[in-house]
Amino acid sequence: MIYVICEPCVGTKDQSCVEVCPVDCIYEGEDQFFIHPEECIGCSACAAVCPVEAIYDEDEVPEQWEHYKEKARKFFEERGQL
């Protein structure tokens, strides 16, 4: 994964990130958005506009939110996108 959307997005789902993504790699889940790891080009446009600061480089995800990496992987696997 390039970027991971974490807990601050849950329940908020502000669409600023979706609107600026140049490759449309952000998908809406039930309670949050997810960034497709194979489609993301790492431009960081999404992270720059997130009003709740929920988007992190996968290597910089805070320890308490590490499980969001797995949550994102499962989201795409369940849809047959990984």
PDB file of N, CA and C in Angstrom:
ATOM      1  N   MET A   1       0.829  -1.188   0.000  1.00  0.00           N
ATOM      2  CA  MET A   1       0.000   0.000   0.000  1.00  0.00           C
ATOM      3  C   MET A   1       0.863   1.236   0.000  1.00  0.00           C
ATOM      4  N   ILE A   2       0.374   2.252  -0.625  1.00  0.00           N
ATOM      5  CA  ILE A   2       1.074   3.522  -0.610  1.00  0.00           C
ATOM      6  C   ILE A   2       0.544   4.381   0.540  1.00  0.00           C
ATOM      7  N   TYR A   3      -0.760   4.621   0.547  1.00  0.00           N
ATOM      8  CA  TYR A   3      -1.395   5.401   1.608  1.00  0.00           C
ATOM      9  C   TYR A   3      -2.512   4.595   2.239  1.00  0.00           C
ATOM     10  N   VAL A   4      -2.748   4.857   3.524  1.00  0.00           N
ATOM     11  CA  VAL A   4      -3.767   4.144   4.285  1.00  0.00           C
ATOM     12  C   VAL A   4      -4.665   5.186   4.953  1.00  0.00           C
ATOM     13  N   ILE A   5      -5.969   4.956   4.862  1.00  0.00           N
ATOM     14  CA  ILE A   5      -6.928   5.833   5.535  1.00  0.00           C
ATOM     15  C   ILE A   5      -7.262   5.190   6.877  1.00  0.00           C
ATOM     16  N   CYS A   6      -7.126   5.969   7.945  1.00  0.00           N
ATOM     17  CA  CYS A   6      -7.267   5.440   9.297  1.00  0.00           C
ATOM     18  C   CYS A   6      -8.507   5.980  10.022  1.00  0.00           C
ATOM     19  N   GLU A   7      -8.556   5.734  11.317  1.00  0.00           N
ATOM     20  CA  GLU A   7      -9.721   5.976  12.165  1.00  0.00           C
ATOM     21  C   GLU A   7     -10.399   7.338  12.043  1.00  0.00           C
ATOM     22  N   PRO A   8      -9.681   8.436  11.906  1.00  0.00           N
ATOM     23  CA  PRO A   8     -10.396   9.713  11.831  1.00  0.00           C
ATOM     24  C   PRO A   8     -11.420   9.797  10.698  1.00  0.00           C
ATOM     25  N   CYS A   9     -11.284   8.958   9.679  1.00  0.00           N
ATOM     26  CA  CYS A   9     -12.236   8.947   8.564  1.00  0.00           C
ATOM     27  C   CYS A   9     -13.538   8.242   8.934  1.00  0.00           C
ATOM     28  N   VAL A  10     -13.460   7.290   9.863  1.00  0.00           N
ATOM     29  CA  VAL A  10     -14.628   6.491  10.211  1.00  0.00           C
ATOM     30  C   VAL A  10     -15.763   7.401  10.668  1.00  0.00           C
ATOM     31  N   GLY A  11     -16.882   7.286   9.975  1.00  0.00           N
ATOM     32  CA  GLY A  11     -18.050   8.093  10.293  1.00  0.00           C
ATOM     33  C   GLY A  11     -18.029   9.487   9.707  1.00  0.00           C
ATOM     34  N   THR A  12     -16.866   9.958   9.274  1.00  0.00           N
ATOM     35  CA  THR A  12     -16.744  11.300   8.719  1.00  0.00           C
ATOM     36  C   THR A  12     -16.950  11.264   7.219  1.00  0.00           C
ATOM     37  N   LYS A  13     -16.125  10.477   6.556  1.00  0.00           N
ATOM     38  CA  LYS A  13     -16.182  10.268   5.118  1.00  0.00           C
ATOM     39  C   LYS A  13     -16.331  11.565   4.311  1.00  0.00           C
ATOM     40  N   ASP A  14     -15.531  12.551   4.638  1.00  0.00           N
ATOM     41  CA  ASP A  14     -15.457  13.765   3.828  1.00  0.00           C
ATOM     42  C   ASP A  14     -14.888  13.361   2.467  1.00  0.00           C
ATOM     43  N   GLN A  15     -15.441  13.851   1.393  1.00  0.00           N
ATOM     44  CA  GLN A  15     -15.028  13.392   0.070  1.00  0.00           C
ATOM     45  C   GLN A  15     -13.939  14.236  -0.582  1.00  0.00           C
ATOM     46  N   SER A  16     -13.281  15.074   0.161  1.00  0.00           N
ATOM     47  CA  SER A  16     -12.201  15.892  -0.402  1.00  0.00           C
ATOM     48  C   SER A  16     -11.137  15.036  -1.062  1.00  0.00           C
ATOM     49  N   CYS A  17     -10.789  13.926  -0.431  1.00  0.00           N
ATOM     50  CA  CYS A  17      -9.749  13.046  -0.973  1.00  0.00           C
ATOM     51  C   CYS A  17     -10.174  12.446  -2.312  1.00  0.00           C
ATOM     52  N   VAL A  18     -11.413  12.043  -2.398  1.00  0.00           N
ATOM     53  CA  VAL A  18     -11.937  11.440  -3.621  1.00  0.00           C
ATOM     54  C   VAL A  18     -11.891  12.449  -4.762  1.00  0.00           C
ATOM     55  N   GLU A  19     -12.253  13.676  -4.453  1.00  0.00           N
ATOM     56  CA  GLU A  19     -12.322  14.725  -5.468  1.00  0.00           C
ATOM     57  C   GLU A  19     -10.961  15.082  -6.060  1.00  0.00           C
ATOM     58  N   VAL A  20      -9.889  14.979  -5.284  1.00  0.00           N
ATOM     59  CA  VAL A  20      -8.568  15.369  -5.796  1.00  0.00           C
ATOM     60  C   VAL A  20      -7.735  14.222  -6.347  1.00  0.00           C
ATOM     61  N   CYS A  21      -8.166  12.996  -6.134  1.00  0.00           N
ATOM     62  CA  CYS A  21      -7.372  11.846  -6.581  1.00  0.00           C
ATOM     63  C   CYS A  21      -7.311  11.799  -8.110  1.00  0.00           C
ATOM     64  N   PRO A  22      -6.109  11.898  -8.681  1.00  0.00           N
ATOM     65  CA  PRO A  22      -5.985  11.919 -10.139  1.00  0.00           C
ATOM     66  C   PRO A  22      -6.194  10.563 -10.820  1.00  0.00           C
ATOM     67  N   VAL A  23      -6.186   9.475 -10.035  1.00  0.00           N
ATOM     68  CA  VAL A  23      -6.346   8.143 -10.628  1.00  0.00           C
ATOM     69  C   VAL A  23      -7.580   7.400 -10.107  1.00  0.00           C
ATOM     70  N   ASP A  24      -8.435   8.082  -9.382  1.00  0.00           N
ATOM     71  CA  ASP A  24      -9.672   7.487  -8.860  1.00  0.00           C
ATOM     72  C   ASP A  24      -9.436   6.163  -8.135  1.00  0.00           C
ATOM     73  N   CYS A  25      -8.499   6.156  -7.199  1.00  0.00           N
ATOM     74  CA  CYS A  25      -8.172   4.921  -6.483  1.00  0.00           C
ATOM     75  C   CYS A  25      -8.774   4.862  -5.089  1.00  0.00           C
ATOM     76  N   ILE A  26      -9.665   5.807  -4.750  1.00  0.00           N
ATOM     77  CA  ILE A  26     -10.274   5.833  -3.424  1.00  0.00           C
ATOM     78  C   ILE A  26     -11.708   5.335  -3.539  1.00  0.00           C
ATOM     79  N   TYR A  27     -12.011   4.314  -2.742  1.00  0.00           N
ATOM     80  CA  TYR A  27     -13.308   3.652  -2.797  1.00  0.00           C
ATOM     81  C   TYR A  27     -14.053   3.836  -1.486  1.00  0.00           C
ATOM     82  N   GLU A  28     -15.367   3.936  -1.583  1.00  0.00           N
ATOM     83  CA  GLU A  28     -16.181   4.133  -0.388  1.00  0.00           C
ATOM     84  C   GLU A  28     -16.585   2.803   0.220  1.00  0.00           C
ATOM     85  N   GLY A  29     -16.282   2.658   1.501  1.00  0.00           N
ATOM     86  CA  GLY A  29     -16.721   1.498   2.259  1.00  0.00           C
ATOM     87  C   GLY A  29     -17.911   1.885   3.119  1.00  0.00           C
ATOM     88  N   GLU A  30     -18.360   0.962   3.923  1.00  0.00           N
ATOM     89  CA  GLU A  30     -19.529   1.211   4.749  1.00  0.00           C
ATOM     90  C   GLU A  30     -19.321   2.358   5.729  1.00  0.00           C
ATOM     91  N   ASP A  31     -18.153   2.385   6.372  1.00  0.00           N
ATOM     92  CA  ASP A  31     -17.921   3.403   7.398  1.00  0.00           C
ATOM     93  C   ASP A  31     -16.751   4.342   7.102  1.00  0.00           C
ATOM     94  N   GLN A  32     -16.030   4.108   6.008  1.00  0.00           N
ATOM     95  CA  GLN A  32     -14.883   4.944   5.676  1.00  0.00           C
ATOM     96  C   GLN A  32     -14.498   4.742   4.217  1.00  0.00           C
ATOM     97  N   PHE A  33     -13.535   5.532   3.759  1.00  0.00           N
ATOM     98  CA  PHE A  33     -12.967   5.362   2.422  1.00  0.00           C
ATOM     99  C   PHE A  33     -11.719   4.498   2.514  1.00  0.00           C
ATOM    100  N   PHE A  34     -11.360   3.877   1.378  1.00  0.00           N
ATOM    101  CA  PHE A  34     -10.176   3.036   1.296  1.00  0.00           C
ATOM    102  C   PHE A  34      -9.403   3.383   0.036  1.00  0.00           C
ATOM    103  N   ILE A  35      -8.086   3.342   0.111  1.00  0.00           N
ATOM    104  CA  ILE A  35      -7.220   3.616  -1.031  1.00  0.00           C
ATOM    105  C   ILE A  35      -6.725   2.289  -1.592  1.00  0.00           C
ATOM    106  N   HIS A  36      -6.989   2.066  -2.876  1.00  0.00           N
ATOM    107  CA  HIS A  36      -6.564   0.810  -3.510  1.00  0.00           C
ATOM    108  C   HIS A  36      -5.040   0.818  -3.630  1.00  0.00           C
ATOM    109  N   PRO A  37      -4.368  -0.171  -3.025  1.00  0.00           N
ATOM    110  CA  PRO A  37      -2.901  -0.169  -2.980  1.00  0.00           C
ATOM    111  C   PRO A  37      -2.219  -0.339  -4.338  1.00  0.00           C
ATOM    112  N   GLU A  38      -2.877  -0.969  -5.285  1.00  0.00           N
ATOM    113  CA  GLU A  38      -2.265  -1.178  -6.597  1.00  0.00           C
ATOM    114  C   GLU A  38      -2.576  -0.054  -7.576  1.00  0.00           C
ATOM    115  N   GLU A  39      -3.564   0.749  -7.262  1.00  0.00           N
ATOM    116  CA  GLU A  39      -3.945   1.850  -8.142  1.00  0.00           C
ATOM    117  C   GLU A  39      -3.335   3.181  -7.705  1.00  0.00           C
ATOM    118  N   CYS A  40      -3.027   3.310  -6.433  1.00  0.00           N
ATOM    119  CA  CYS A  40      -2.476   4.555  -5.897  1.00  0.00           C
ATOM    120  C   CYS A  40      -1.097   4.826  -6.499  1.00  0.00           C
ATOM    121  N   ILE A  41      -0.885   6.052  -6.933  1.00  0.00           N
ATOM    122  CA  ILE A  41       0.399   6.425  -7.527  1.00  0.00           C
ATOM    123  C   ILE A  41       1.295   7.171  -6.532  1.00  0.00           C
ATOM    124  N   GLY A  42       0.824   7.333  -5.300  1.00  0.00           N
ATOM    125  CA  GLY A  42       1.629   7.954  -4.259  1.00  0.00           C
ATOM    126  C   GLY A  42       1.806   9.452  -4.380  1.00  0.00           C
ATOM    127  N   CYS A  43       0.867  10.123  -5.004  1.00  0.00           N
ATOM    128  CA  CYS A  43       1.007  11.565  -5.230  1.00  0.00           C
ATOM    129  C   CYS A  43       0.787  12.400  -3.973  1.00  0.00           C
ATOM    130  N   SER A  44       0.126  11.857  -2.973  1.00  0.00           N
ATOM    131  CA  SER A  44      -0.187  12.473  -1.683  1.00  0.00           C
ATOM    132  C   SER A  44      -1.215  13.599  -1.759  1.00  0.00           C
ATOM    133  N   ALA A  45      -1.875  13.781  -2.880  1.00  0.00           N
ATOM    134  CA  ALA A  45      -2.904  14.821  -2.996  1.00  0.00           C
ATOM    135  C   ALA A  45      -4.020  14.591  -1.981  1.00  0.00           C
ATOM    136  N   CYS A  46      -4.377  13.338  -1.770  1.00  0.00           N
ATOM    137  CA  CYS A  46      -5.452  13.014  -0.830  1.00  0.00           C
ATOM    138  C   CYS A  46      -5.088  13.415   0.598  1.00  0.00           C
ATOM    139  N   ALA A  47      -3.879  13.086   1.005  1.00  0.00           N
ATOM    140  CA  ALA A  47      -3.441  13.394   2.365  1.00  0.00           C
ATOM    141  C   ALA A  47      -3.414  14.895   2.615  1.00  0.00           C
ATOM    142  N   ALA A  48      -3.056  15.648   1.600  1.00  0.00           N
ATOM    143  CA  ALA A  48      -2.953  17.102   1.739  1.00  0.00           C
ATOM    144  C   ALA A  48      -4.303  17.772   1.981  1.00  0.00           C
ATOM    145  N   VAL A  49      -5.392  17.170   1.491  1.00  0.00           N
ATOM    146  CA  VAL A  49      -6.702  17.815   1.621  1.00  0.00           C
ATOM    147  C   VAL A  49      -7.604  17.198   2.679  1.00  0.00           C
ATOM    148  N   CYS A  50      -7.194  16.112   3.294  1.00  0.00           N
ATOM    149  CA  CYS A  50      -8.039  15.443   4.277  1.00  0.00           C
ATOM    150  C   CYS A  50      -8.252  16.356   5.489  1.00  0.00           C
ATOM    151  N   PRO A  51      -9.498  16.769   5.755  1.00  0.00           N
ATOM    152  CA  PRO A  51      -9.746  17.700   6.855  1.00  0.00           C
ATOM    153  C   PRO A  51      -9.590  17.094   8.248  1.00  0.00           C
ATOM    154  N   VAL A  52      -9.591  15.752   8.338  1.00  0.00           N
ATOM    155  CA  VAL A  52      -9.452  15.104   9.640  1.00  0.00           C
ATOM    156  C   VAL A  52      -8.103  14.404   9.799  1.00  0.00           C
ATOM    157  N   GLU A  53      -7.200  14.612   8.833  1.00  0.00           N
ATOM    158  CA  GLU A  53      -5.855  14.042   8.868  1.00  0.00           C
ATOM    159  C   GLU A  53      -5.874  12.538   9.111  1.00  0.00           C
ATOM    160  N   ALA A  54      -6.647  11.832   8.278  1.00  0.00           N
ATOM    161  CA  ALA A  54      -6.810  10.390   8.418  1.00  0.00           C
ATOM    162  C   ALA A  54      -5.917   9.587   7.488  1.00  0.00           C
ATOM    163  N   ILE A  55      -5.206  10.245   6.579  1.00  0.00           N
ATOM    164  CA  ILE A  55      -4.461   9.543   5.545  1.00  0.00           C
ATOM    165  C   ILE A  55      -2.964   9.592   5.834  1.00  0.00           C
ATOM    166  N   TYR A  56      -2.357   8.388   5.884  1.00  0.00           N
ATOM    167  CA  TYR A  56      -0.943   8.262   6.211  1.00  0.00           C
ATOM    168  C   TYR A  56      -0.226   7.406   5.185  1.00  0.00           C
ATOM    169  N   ASP A  57       1.038   7.721   4.967  1.00  0.00           N
ATOM    170  CA  ASP A  57       1.910   6.824   4.225  1.00  0.00           C
ATOM    171  C   ASP A  57       1.933   5.525   5.022  1.00  0.00           C
ATOM    172  N   GLU A  58       1.920   4.387   4.335  1.00  0.00           N
ATOM    173  CA  GLU A  58       1.830   3.115   5.049  1.00  0.00           C
ATOM    174  C   GLU A  58       2.952   2.905   6.065  1.00  0.00           C
ATOM    175  N   ASP A  59       4.099   3.515   5.847  1.00  0.00           N
ATOM    176  CA  ASP A  59       5.216   3.382   6.780  1.00  0.00           C
ATOM    177  C   ASP A  59       5.116   4.345   7.962  1.00  0.00           C
ATOM    178  N   GLU A  60       4.130   5.237   7.927  1.00  0.00           N
ATOM    179  CA  GLU A  60       3.990   6.237   8.981  1.00  0.00           C
ATOM    180  C   GLU A  60       2.662   6.153   9.729  1.00  0.00           C
ATOM    181  N   VAL A  61       1.932   5.067   9.523  1.00  0.00           N
ATOM    182  CA  VAL A  61       0.660   4.879  10.224  1.00  0.00           C
ATOM    183  C   VAL A  61       0.943   4.776  11.718  1.00  0.00           C
ATOM    184  N   PRO A  62       0.251   5.581  12.548  1.00  0.00           N
ATOM    185  CA  PRO A  62       0.459   5.484  13.992  1.00  0.00           C
ATOM    186  C   PRO A  62       0.177   4.063  14.495  1.00  0.00           C
ATOM    187  N   GLU A  63       0.930   3.646  15.473  1.00  0.00           N
ATOM    188  CA  GLU A  63       0.852   2.274  15.979  1.00  0.00           C
ATOM    189  C   GLU A  63      -0.578   1.862  16.334  1.00  0.00           C
ATOM    190  N   GLN A  64      -1.334   2.757  16.959  1.00  0.00           N
ATOM    191  CA  GLN A  64      -2.689   2.406  17.381  1.00  0.00           C
ATOM    192  C   GLN A  64      -3.632   2.178  16.197  1.00  0.00           C
ATOM    193  N   TRP A  65      -3.224   2.552  14.986  1.00  0.00           N
ATOM    194  CA  TRP A  65      -4.061   2.397  13.799  1.00  0.00           C
ATOM    195  C   TRP A  65      -3.469   1.433  12.779  1.00  0.00           C
ATOM    196  N   GLU A  66      -2.460   0.675  13.164  1.00  0.00           N
ATOM    197  CA  GLU A  66      -1.827  -0.288  12.256  1.00  0.00           C
ATOM    198  C   GLU A  66      -2.840  -1.259  11.651  1.00  0.00           C
ATOM    199  N   HIS A  67      -3.870  -1.612  12.398  1.00  0.00           N
ATOM    200  CA  HIS A  67      -4.859  -2.584  11.908  1.00  0.00           C
ATOM    201  C   HIS A  67      -5.654  -2.054  10.709  1.00  0.00           C
ATOM    202  N   TYR A  68      -5.579  -0.768  10.421  1.00  0.00           N
ATOM    203  CA  TYR A  68      -6.265  -0.223   9.249  1.00  0.00           C
ATOM    204  C   TYR A  68      -5.612  -0.678   7.946  1.00  0.00           C
ATOM    205  N   LYS A  69      -4.365  -1.068   7.998  1.00  0.00           N
ATOM    206  CA  LYS A  69      -3.718  -1.645   6.814  1.00  0.00           C
ATOM    207  C   LYS A  69      -4.417  -2.950   6.447  1.00  0.00           C
ATOM    208  N   GLU A  70      -4.640  -3.791   7.442  1.00  0.00           N
ATOM    209  CA  GLU A  70      -5.309  -5.069   7.231  1.00  0.00           C
ATOM    210  C   GLU A  70      -6.773  -4.863   6.847  1.00  0.00           C
ATOM    211  N   LYS A  71      -7.420  -3.894   7.451  1.00  0.00           N
ATOM    212  CA  LYS A  71      -8.816  -3.597   7.121  1.00  0.00           C
ATOM    213  C   LYS A  71      -8.939  -3.223   5.650  1.00  0.00           C
ATOM    214  N   ALA A  72      -8.018  -2.429   5.159  1.00  0.00           N
ATOM    215  CA  ALA A  72      -8.032  -2.027   3.749  1.00  0.00           C
ATOM    216  C   ALA A  72      -7.775  -3.222   2.839  1.00  0.00           C
ATOM    217  N   ARG A  73      -6.812  -4.047   3.200  1.00  0.00           N
ATOM    218  CA  ARG A  73      -6.513  -5.235   2.397  1.00  0.00           C
ATOM    219  C   ARG A  73      -7.745  -6.130   2.279  1.00  0.00           C
ATOM    220  N   LYS A  74      -8.412  -6.370   3.402  1.00  0.00           N
ATOM    221  CA  LYS A  74      -9.611  -7.205   3.400  1.00  0.00           C
ATOM    222  C   LYS A  74     -10.725  -6.586   2.561  1.00  0.00           C
ATOM    223  N   PHE A  75     -10.868  -5.276   2.641  1.00  0.00           N
ATOM    224  CA  PHE A  75     -11.901  -4.580   1.863  1.00  0.00           C
ATOM    225  C   PHE A  75     -11.758  -4.890   0.385  1.00  0.00           C
ATOM    226  N   PHE A  76     -10.538  -4.800  -0.130  1.00  0.00           N
ATOM    227  CA  PHE A  76     -10.318  -5.045  -1.550  1.00  0.00           C
ATOM    228  C   PHE A  76     -10.316  -6.531  -1.905  1.00  0.00           C
ATOM    229  N   GLU A  77      -9.845  -7.370  -1.016  1.00  0.00           N
ATOM    230  CA  GLU A  77      -9.864  -8.819  -1.264  1.00  0.00           C
ATOM    231  C   GLU A  77     -11.299  -9.330  -1.353  1.00  0.00           C
ATOM    232  N   GLU A  78     -12.161  -8.855  -0.467  1.00  0.00           N
ATOM    233  CA  GLU A  78     -13.561  -9.289  -0.468  1.00  0.00           C
ATOM    234  C   GLU A  78     -14.276  -8.902  -1.760  1.00  0.00           C
ATOM    235  N   ARG A  79     -13.797  -7.896  -2.428  1.00  0.00           N
ATOM    236  CA  ARG A  79     -14.394  -7.446  -3.689  1.00  0.00           C
ATOM    237  C   ARG A  79     -13.682  -8.019  -4.903  1.00  0.00           C
ATOM    238  N   GLY A  80     -12.702  -8.872  -4.663  1.00  0.00           N
ATOM    239  CA  GLY A  80     -11.944  -9.495  -5.747  1.00  0.00           C
ATOM    240  C   GLY A  80     -11.060  -8.512  -6.473  1.00  0.00           C
ATOM    241  N   GLN A  81     -10.635  -7.445  -5.783  1.00  0.00           N
ATOM    242  CA  GLN A  81      -9.795  -6.420  -6.402  1.00  0.00           C
ATOM    243  C   GLN A  81      -8.324  -6.556  -6.029  1.00  0.00           C
ATOM    244  N   LEU A  82      -7.976  -7.591  -5.299  1.00  0.00           N
ATOM    245  CA  LEU A  82      -6.570  -7.854  -4.963  1.00  0.00           C
ATOM    246  C   LEU A  82      -6.253  -9.304  -5.238  1.00  0.00           C
TER     247      LEU A  82
END
